[in-house]
Amino acid sequence: MPSITLSRRTMLTGAFAAALTAAAPQAKADVYVRIGPPAARVEVIPPPPVGPHRWVWVPGYWRWNRDRYIWFRGQYIRRTHGNWRPGHWDHRPGGWVWYGGGWY
């Protein structure tokens, strides 16, 4: 019987440690890119999806992928609250830094 109690205690301790690790905030590090992004592509905005949800168009953007920029097309997302603020590249003394979009 004592081995069952010890086993349960070990499992609970492991589960608690895993939960704490999963809840820990991720460290954010700015990545500086020495080459500025290309001009944004012109996108034709399609009509929003049909349905009961309110949709917001999120414009496309250039994303840095180790050695070059890759275009991510715009898309509709469901409105959760507030207004969507698109991400943008900001020029700093060390290079270009990406600030992701979000709700505000």
Protein backbone atom coordinates (compact mmCIF):
# COMPACT_ATOMS: atom_id res chain seq x y z
CA MET A 1 0.00 0.00 0.00
CA PRO A 2 2.76 2.57 0.74
CA SER A 3 4.12 2.18 -2.83
CA ILE A 4 0.73 3.19 -4.28
CA THR A 5 0.66 6.34 -2.13
CA LEU A 6 4.23 7.21 -3.11
CA SER A 7 3.40 6.63 -6.78
CA ARG A 8 0.35 8.90 -6.60
CA ARG A 9 2.35 11.57 -4.79
CA THR A 10 5.05 11.39 -7.47
CA MET A 11 2.46 11.66 -10.25
CA LEU A 12 0.73 14.63 -8.59
CA THR A 13 4.05 16.40 -8.03
CA GLY A 14 4.99 15.83 -11.67
CA ALA A 15 1.62 17.08 -12.90
CA PHE A 16 1.88 20.18 -10.70
CA ALA A 17 5.40 20.93 -11.98
CA ALA A 18 4.24 20.49 -15.60
CA ALA A 19 1.32 22.87 -15.01
CA LEU A 20 3.62 25.52 -13.55
CA THR A 21 6.02 25.18 -16.47
CA ALA A 22 3.21 25.48 -19.03
CA ALA A 23 1.81 28.58 -17.31
CA ALA A 24 5.18 30.37 -17.18
CA PRO A 25 5.32 33.39 -19.50
CA GLN A 26 7.56 33.08 -22.54
CA ALA A 27 10.50 35.45 -22.72
CA LYS A 28 10.24 37.89 -25.62
CA ALA A 29 13.41 38.79 -27.44
CA ASP A 30 13.45 41.35 -30.23
CA VAL A 31 15.04 40.09 -33.42
CA TYR A 32 16.81 42.77 -35.42
CA VAL A 33 16.91 42.43 -39.20
CA ARG A 34 19.46 44.60 -40.98
CA ILE A 35 17.53 44.59 -44.28
CA GLY A 36 14.27 46.52 -44.35
CA PRO A 37 11.08 44.76 -45.49
CA PRO A 38 9.84 45.17 -49.07
CA ALA A 39 6.80 47.33 -49.73
CA ALA A 40 3.52 45.69 -48.74
CA ARG A 41 1.77 43.86 -51.55
CA VAL A 42 -1.54 45.15 -52.80
CA GLU A 43 -4.25 42.69 -51.80
CA VAL A 44 -7.80 42.50 -53.08
CA ILE A 45 -9.94 42.06 -49.98
CA PRO A 46 -12.53 39.33 -50.58
CA PRO A 47 -16.01 39.52 -49.05
CA PRO A 48 -16.11 38.27 -45.45
CA PRO A 49 -17.12 34.69 -44.70
CA VAL A 50 -20.84 34.03 -44.34
CA GLY A 51 -22.06 33.27 -40.86
CA PRO A 52 -23.16 34.70 -37.56
CA HIS A 53 -19.69 35.94 -36.57
CA ARG A 54 -18.27 39.40 -37.02
CA TRP A 55 -15.12 39.26 -39.13
CA VAL A 56 -12.09 41.54 -39.30
CA TRP A 57 -9.70 41.69 -42.23
CA VAL A 58 -6.06 41.30 -41.12
CA PRO A 59 -3.79 42.61 -43.88
CA GLY A 60 -0.87 40.60 -45.19
CA TYR A 61 2.67 41.27 -43.98
CA TRP A 62 6.30 40.41 -44.60
CA ARG A 63 7.82 37.98 -42.11
CA TRP A 64 11.55 37.42 -41.69
CA ASN A 65 12.60 33.78 -42.12
CA ARG A 66 16.30 33.54 -41.16
CA ASP A 67 17.69 34.89 -44.45
CA ARG A 68 14.80 36.47 -46.37
CA TYR A 69 11.33 37.92 -46.13
CA ILE A 70 8.27 35.75 -46.84
CA TRP A 71 4.86 37.22 -47.61
CA PHE A 72 1.92 36.09 -45.47
CA ARG A 73 -1.38 36.85 -47.18
CA GLY A 74 -4.13 38.74 -45.43
CA GLN A 75 -7.02 36.84 -43.93
CA TYR A 76 -10.26 37.26 -42.04
CA ILE A 77 -10.33 36.51 -38.33
CA ARG A 78 -13.28 36.49 -35.94
CA ARG A 79 -13.63 39.65 -33.90
CA THR A 80 -13.17 38.87 -30.24
CA HIS A 81 -13.26 42.38 -28.77
CA GLY A 82 -12.15 45.90 -29.54
CA ASN A 83 -10.30 46.70 -32.74
CA TRP A 84 -7.49 44.88 -34.51
CA ARG A 85 -4.17 46.71 -34.74
CA PRO A 86 -2.04 45.30 -37.59
CA GLY A 87 1.56 44.36 -36.95
CA HIS A 88 4.32 46.55 -38.33
CA TRP A 89 8.07 46.78 -38.83
CA ASP A 90 9.85 49.53 -36.91
CA HIS A 91 13.28 50.85 -37.86
CA ARG A 92 15.66 51.04 -34.89
CA PRO A 93 19.38 51.88 -34.65
CA GLY A 94 20.24 48.14 -34.70
CA GLY A 95 17.96 47.27 -37.64
CA TRP A 96 14.31 46.47 -38.22
CA VAL A 97 12.08 44.97 -35.50
CA TRP A 98 8.66 43.32 -35.98
CA TYR A 99 5.78 44.21 -33.64
CA GLY A 100 2.93 41.75 -34.03
CA GLY A 101 -0.68 42.84 -34.35
CA GLY A 102 -3.30 42.42 -31.67
CA TRP A 103 -6.62 43.51 -30.21
CA TYR A 104 -6.93 46.78 -28.34
